C-alpha atoms as a PDB file:
ATOM      1  CA  MET A   1     -20.323  -4.247   4.862  1.00  0.00           C
ATOM      2  CA  ALA A   2     -16.780  -5.269   4.121  1.00  0.00           C
ATOM      3  CA  ILE A   3     -13.582  -3.391   3.513  1.00  0.00           C
ATOM      4  CA  THR A   4     -11.341  -4.880   0.847  1.00  0.00           C
ATOM      5  CA  HIS A   5      -7.680  -4.047   0.353  1.00  0.00           C
ATOM      6  CA  THR A   6      -5.981  -4.315  -3.035  1.00  0.00           C
ATOM      7  CA  GLN A   7      -2.242  -4.135  -3.593  1.00  0.00           C
ATOM      8  CA  THR A   8      -0.908  -3.219  -7.020  1.00  0.00           C
ATOM      9  CA  VAL A   9       2.696  -2.804  -8.109  1.00  0.00           C
ATOM     10  CA  THR A  10       2.768   0.602  -9.795  1.00  0.00           C
ATOM     11  CA  GLU A  11       6.469   1.169 -10.379  1.00  0.00           C
ATOM     12  CA  LEU A  12       9.758  -0.688 -10.542  1.00  0.00           C
ATOM     13  CA  THR A  13      13.084   1.127 -10.344  1.00  0.00           C
ATOM     14  CA  ILE A  14      16.045  -0.783 -11.736  1.00  0.00           C
ATOM     15  CA  LEU A  15      19.807  -0.392 -11.531  1.00  0.00           C
ATOM     16  CA  ASN A  16      21.171   1.591 -14.448  1.00  0.00           C
ATOM     17  CA  ASN A  17      22.977  -1.318 -16.108  1.00  0.00           C
ATOM     18  CA  SER A  18      22.212  -4.068 -18.569  1.00  0.00           C
ATOM     19  CA  ASP A  19      21.131  -6.569 -15.876  1.00  0.00           C
ATOM     20  CA  ASN A  20      17.771  -4.851 -15.187  1.00  0.00           C
ATOM     21  CA  ILE A  21      17.965  -5.600 -11.462  1.00  0.00           C
ATOM     22  CA  VAL A  22      15.045  -4.173  -9.517  1.00  0.00           C
ATOM     23  CA  SER A  23      16.227  -1.886  -6.724  1.00  0.00           C
ATOM     24  CA  GLU A  24      12.909  -0.432  -5.592  1.00  0.00           C
ATOM     25  CA  VAL A  25       9.258  -1.450  -5.767  1.00  0.00           C
ATOM     26  CA  THR A  26       6.325   0.939  -5.346  1.00  0.00           C
ATOM     27  CA  VAL A  27       3.006  -0.579  -4.314  1.00  0.00           C
ATOM     28  CA  GLN A  28      -0.370   1.155  -4.301  1.00  0.00           C
ATOM     29  CA  ILE A  29      -2.768   0.035  -1.591  1.00  0.00           C
ATOM     30  CA  VAL A  30      -6.454   0.764  -2.201  1.00  0.00           C
ATOM     31  CA  SER A  31      -9.051   0.135   0.494  1.00  0.00           C
ATOM     32  CA  VAL A  32     -12.768   0.173  -0.344  1.00  0.00           C
ATOM     33  CA  ASP A  33     -15.855  -0.248   1.796  1.00  0.00           C
ATOM     34  CA  ASP A  34     -18.471  -1.946  -0.361  1.00  0.00           C
ATOM     35  CA  SER A  35     -21.342  -0.077   1.325  1.00  0.00           C
ATOM     36  CA  ASN A  36     -20.450   3.124  -0.580  1.00  0.00           C
ATOM     37  CA  PRO A  37     -17.371   2.662  -2.789  1.00  0.00           C
ATOM     38  CA  GLU A  38     -17.595   6.120  -4.373  1.00  0.00           C
ATOM     39  CA  VAL A  39     -17.176   7.832  -1.005  1.00  0.00           C
ATOM     40  CA  LEU A  40     -15.452   5.186   1.106  1.00  0.00           C
ATOM     41  CA  THR A  41     -12.288   4.600  -0.914  1.00  0.00           C
ATOM     42  CA  ILE A  42      -8.779   5.549   0.140  1.00  0.00           C
ATOM     43  CA  GLU A  43      -5.411   4.847  -1.434  1.00  0.00           C
ATOM     44  CA  SER A  44      -1.762   5.123  -0.443  1.00  0.00           C
ATOM     45  CA  GLU A  45       1.600   4.207  -1.904  1.00  0.00           C
ATOM     46  CA  GLU A  46       4.528   2.536  -0.207  1.00  0.00           C
ATOM     47  CA  SER A  47       8.013   2.026  -1.639  1.00  0.00           C
ATOM     48  CA  PHE A  48      10.444  -0.728  -0.711  1.00  0.00           C
ATOM     49  CA  ARG A  49      14.193  -0.693  -1.318  1.00  0.00           C
ATOM     50  CA  LEU A  50      15.715  -4.035  -2.282  1.00  0.00           C
ATOM     51  CA  ASP A  51      19.150  -5.448  -1.558  1.00  0.00           C
ATOM     52  CA  THR A  52      20.827  -5.661  -4.958  1.00  0.00           C
ATOM     53  CA  SER A  53      24.279  -6.657  -3.690  1.00  0.00           C
ATOM     54  CA  GLY A  54      23.949 -10.253  -4.934  1.00  0.00           C
ATOM     55  CA  GLY A  55      23.365  -9.158  -8.514  1.00  0.00           C
ATOM     56  CA  THR A  56      22.002 -11.738 -10.938  1.00  0.00           C
ATOM     57  CA  GLY A  57      23.660 -14.493  -8.885  1.00  0.00           C
ATOM     58  CA  ALA A  58      21.479 -13.861  -5.842  1.00  0.00           C
ATOM     59  CA  SER A  59      19.445 -16.777  -4.565  1.00  0.00           C
ATOM     60  CA  GLY A  60      15.994 -16.756  -6.141  1.00  0.00           C
ATOM     61  CA  PHE A  61      16.915 -14.084  -8.705  1.00  0.00           C
ATOM     62  CA  THR A  62      14.235 -13.657 -11.371  1.00  0.00           C
ATOM     63  CA  ALA A  63      15.026 -12.031 -14.697  1.00  0.00           C
ATOM     64  CA  TYR A  64      13.167  -8.774 -15.294  1.00  0.00           C
ATOM     65  CA  GLY A  65      11.200 -10.190 -18.217  1.00  0.00           C
ATOM     66  CA  ASP A  66       9.955 -13.064 -16.047  1.00  0.00           C
ATOM     67  CA  LEU A  67       8.638 -10.885 -13.214  1.00  0.00           C
ATOM     68  CA  THR A  68       4.942 -10.835 -12.412  1.00  0.00           C
ATOM     69  CA  GLN A  69       3.011  -8.762  -9.934  1.00  0.00           C
ATOM     70  CA  SER A  70       2.305 -11.826  -7.775  1.00  0.00           C
ATOM     71  CA  LYS A  71       6.028 -12.726  -7.665  1.00  0.00           C
ATOM     72  CA  ILE A  72       6.963  -9.200  -6.608  1.00  0.00           C
ATOM     73  CA  LEU A  73       4.261  -8.996  -3.936  1.00  0.00           C
ATOM     74  CA  ALA A  74       5.562 -12.326  -2.553  1.00  0.00           C
ATOM     75  CA  TRP A  75       9.131 -11.017  -2.111  1.00  0.00           C
ATOM     76  CA  ASP A  76       9.907 -10.975   1.610  1.00  0.00           C
ATOM     77  CA  VAL A  77      10.868  -7.298   1.720  1.00  0.00           C
ATOM     78  CA  VAL A  78       7.586  -6.296   0.055  1.00  0.00           C
ATOM     79  CA  LYS A  79       5.333  -8.811   1.813  1.00  0.00           C
ATOM     80  CA  ASP A  80       6.846  -8.155   5.253  1.00  0.00           C
ATOM     81  CA  GLY A  81       6.939  -4.399   4.670  1.00  0.00           C
ATOM     82  CA  LEU A  82       3.260  -4.316   3.800  1.00  0.00           C
ATOM     83  CA  ALA A  83       2.415  -6.549   6.759  1.00  0.00           C
ATOM     84  CA  SER A  84       4.334  -4.364   9.223  1.00  0.00           C
ATOM     85  CA  SER A  85       3.027  -1.059   7.904  1.00  0.00           C
ATOM     86  CA  ASN A  86      -0.159   0.315   9.356  1.00  0.00           C
ATOM     87  CA  ILE A  87      -1.597   1.294   5.994  1.00  0.00           C
ATOM     88  CA  GLN A  88      -4.545  -1.093   6.087  1.00  0.00           C
ATOM     89  CA  VAL A  89      -5.288  -0.259   9.730  1.00  0.00           C
ATOM     90  CA  ASN A  90      -5.107   3.473   8.961  1.00  0.00           C
ATOM     91  CA  HIS A  91      -7.311   3.049   5.889  1.00  0.00           C
ATOM     92  CA  GLU A  92      -9.919   1.168   7.924  1.00  0.00           C
ATOM     93  CA  ALA A  93      -9.837   3.851  10.641  1.00  0.00           C
ATOM     94  CA  TRP A  94     -10.373   6.582   8.031  1.00  0.00           C
ATOM     95  CA  ILE A  95     -13.247   4.704   6.389  1.00  0.00           C
ATOM     96  CA  ASN A  96     -14.891   4.096   9.765  1.00  0.00           C
ATOM     97  CA  SER A  97     -14.489   7.758  10.766  1.00  0.00           C
ATOM     98  CA  VAL A  98     -16.193   8.849   7.531  1.00  0.00           C
ATOM     99  CA  LYS A  99     -19.012   6.348   8.051  1.00  0.00           C
ATOM    100  CA  ASN A 100     -19.423   7.261  11.719  1.00  0.00           C
ATOM    101  CA  PRO A 101     -17.941  10.699  12.314  1.00  0.00           C
ATOM    102  CA  PRO A 102     -16.868  11.291  15.902  1.00  0.00           C
ATOM    103  CA  ALA A 103     -18.859  13.806  17.916  1.00  0.00           C
ATOM    104  CA  PRO A 104     -17.128  17.196  18.003  1.00  0.00           C
ATOM    105  CA  ALA A 105     -15.410  18.085  21.277  1.00  0.00           C
ATOM    106  CA  GLU A 106     -17.045  21.528  21.228  1.00  0.00           C
ATOM    107  CA  VAL A 107     -20.176  22.993  19.675  1.00  0.00           C
ATOM    108  CA  ASN A 108     -21.717  26.451  19.375  1.00  0.00           C
ATOM    109  CA  LYS A 109     -24.820  27.029  21.439  1.00  0.00           C
ATOM    110  CA  PRO A 110     -27.283  29.910  21.262  1.00  0.00           C
ATOM    111  CA  LEU A 111     -26.758  32.607  23.844  1.00  0.00           C
ATOM    112  CA  PRO A 112     -28.987  32.135  26.903  1.00  0.00           C
ATOM    113  CA  TRP A 113     -30.545  35.599  26.615  1.00  0.00           C
END
């Protein structure tokens, strides 16, 4: 059984000017265990602030109309932010705890009399 992780850009915030410069990216991360996708699915969102100080003259600048999800997910701040976050690790831990719940530390037992 495998856990897959999918990253989807769900929102772009732009500077309030005519240049349409992206200042923040929100990414949804969905993790699914294929053994029981209806139960073993978890999702989270992460937002990343971008340095907009270079404006449209910044190295590698891409016009808003030319952006694609794959280009945005490849931006260093997004790619590195996702890599350094523990979202996927936390998702896998949650899925594994649902599949194999830990034994409770305490239990009720019938009275001995």
